[in-house]
Structure formats: C-alpha cells, structure tokens
Amino acid sequence: MNDPRKVEADPEAKYFGVRLNDQSPVSDDKPRLGSITFEQWFAKSAQPK
C-alpha cells in the first residue's frame, strides 16, 4: 500500500499480442447484451448447485 510508483494506462498495449478496440471483446456483430450488478452476480454464484 505504500508503493510510490505511478500506474499509467497504455492505450497501445496489446492483449495476447493483439491490439483491442471497443468492439473486440464481443463474439460477433449481434451480441446479446445485458446488465447485472456485482451484488446480483455474487448472490447467484453463492447459491449451491
């Protein structure tokens, strides 16, 4: 917690060797988008299966 180094974002950084853009993380041109809060996800994932 007492690390004096500064963290800087690198917009040119590559992800697994590929430069990403705003559309990169989706599977195709018609993704099914939804929304879930962390609390909703956590409550669901904490339930026994």
C-alpha atoms as a PDB file:
ATOM      1  CA  MET A   1       0.000   0.000   0.000  1.00  0.00           C
ATOM      2  CA  ASN A   2       2.969   2.308   0.363  1.00  0.00           C
ATOM      3  CA  ASP A   3       4.275   1.768  -3.154  1.00  0.00           C
ATOM      4  CA  PRO A   4       5.324   5.163  -4.560  1.00  0.00           C
ATOM      5  CA  ARG A   5       5.313   4.025  -8.190  1.00  0.00           C
ATOM      6  CA  LYS A   6       2.759   5.615 -10.523  1.00  0.00           C
ATOM      7  CA  VAL A   7       0.450   3.398 -12.582  1.00  0.00           C
ATOM      8  CA  GLU A   8      -0.158   4.627 -16.130  1.00  0.00           C
ATOM      9  CA  ALA A   9      -2.572   3.286 -18.747  1.00  0.00           C
ATOM     10  CA  ASP A  10      -1.118   2.320 -22.118  1.00  0.00           C
ATOM     11  CA  PRO A  11      -3.730   2.623 -24.902  1.00  0.00           C
ATOM     12  CA  GLU A  12      -1.282   0.906 -27.280  1.00  0.00           C
ATOM     13  CA  ALA A  13      -0.826  -2.143 -25.059  1.00  0.00           C
ATOM     14  CA  LYS A  14      -1.623  -5.485 -26.649  1.00  0.00           C
ATOM     15  CA  TYR A  15      -3.805  -8.244 -25.202  1.00  0.00           C
ATOM     16  CA  PHE A  16      -2.399 -11.680 -26.013  1.00  0.00           C
ATOM     17  CA  GLY A  17      -0.447  -9.993 -28.813  1.00  0.00           C
ATOM     18  CA  VAL A  18      -3.439  -8.199 -30.374  1.00  0.00           C
ATOM     19  CA  ARG A  19      -4.400  -4.542 -30.115  1.00  0.00           C
ATOM     20  CA  LEU A  20      -8.022  -4.297 -28.968  1.00  0.00           C
ATOM     21  CA  ASN A  21     -10.681  -1.720 -29.815  1.00  0.00           C
ATOM     22  CA  ASP A  22     -14.158  -1.014 -28.415  1.00  0.00           C
ATOM     23  CA  GLN A  23     -15.689  -3.896 -30.404  1.00  0.00           C
ATOM     24  CA  SER A  24     -13.007  -6.506 -29.705  1.00  0.00           C
ATOM     25  CA  PRO A  25     -14.459  -8.222 -26.630  1.00  0.00           C
ATOM     26  CA  VAL A  26     -17.732  -9.273 -28.300  1.00  0.00           C
ATOM     27  CA  SER A  27     -18.259 -12.555 -30.109  1.00  0.00           C
ATOM     28  CA  ASP A  28     -19.895 -11.270 -33.306  1.00  0.00           C
ATOM     29  CA  ASP A  29     -21.866  -8.335 -34.735  1.00  0.00           C
ATOM     30  CA  LYS A  30     -25.060  -9.240 -32.808  1.00  0.00           C
ATOM     31  CA  PRO A  31     -24.066  -9.869 -29.185  1.00  0.00           C
ATOM     32  CA  ARG A  32     -26.729 -10.423 -26.526  1.00  0.00           C
ATOM     33  CA  LEU A  33     -26.055  -7.635 -24.060  1.00  0.00           C
ATOM     34  CA  GLY A  34     -27.499  -7.463 -20.597  1.00  0.00           C
ATOM     35  CA  SER A  35     -26.722  -5.957 -17.264  1.00  0.00           C
ATOM     36  CA  ILE A  36     -26.121  -7.398 -13.852  1.00  0.00           C
ATOM     37  CA  THR A  37     -24.719  -5.815 -10.753  1.00  0.00           C
ATOM     38  CA  PHE A  38     -21.907  -7.394  -8.800  1.00  0.00           C
ATOM     39  CA  GLU A  39     -24.314  -7.989  -5.930  1.00  0.00           C
ATOM     40  CA  GLN A  40     -26.757  -9.869  -8.199  1.00  0.00           C
ATOM     41  CA  TRP A  41     -23.964 -11.956  -9.706  1.00  0.00           C
ATOM     42  CA  PHE A  42     -22.473 -12.719  -6.302  1.00  0.00           C
ATOM     43  CA  ALA A  43     -25.828 -13.718  -4.795  1.00  0.00           C
ATOM     44  CA  LYS A  44     -26.464 -16.092  -7.711  1.00  0.00           C
ATOM     45  CA  SER A  45     -22.951 -17.549  -7.735  1.00  0.00           C
ATOM     46  CA  ALA A  46     -23.042 -18.150  -3.973  1.00  0.00           C
ATOM     47  CA  GLN A  47     -26.097 -20.434  -4.251  1.00  0.00           C
ATOM     48  CA  PRO A  48     -25.385 -24.164  -4.078  1.00  0.00           C
ATOM     49  CA  LYS A  49     -25.895 -26.042  -7.324  1.00  0.00           C
END
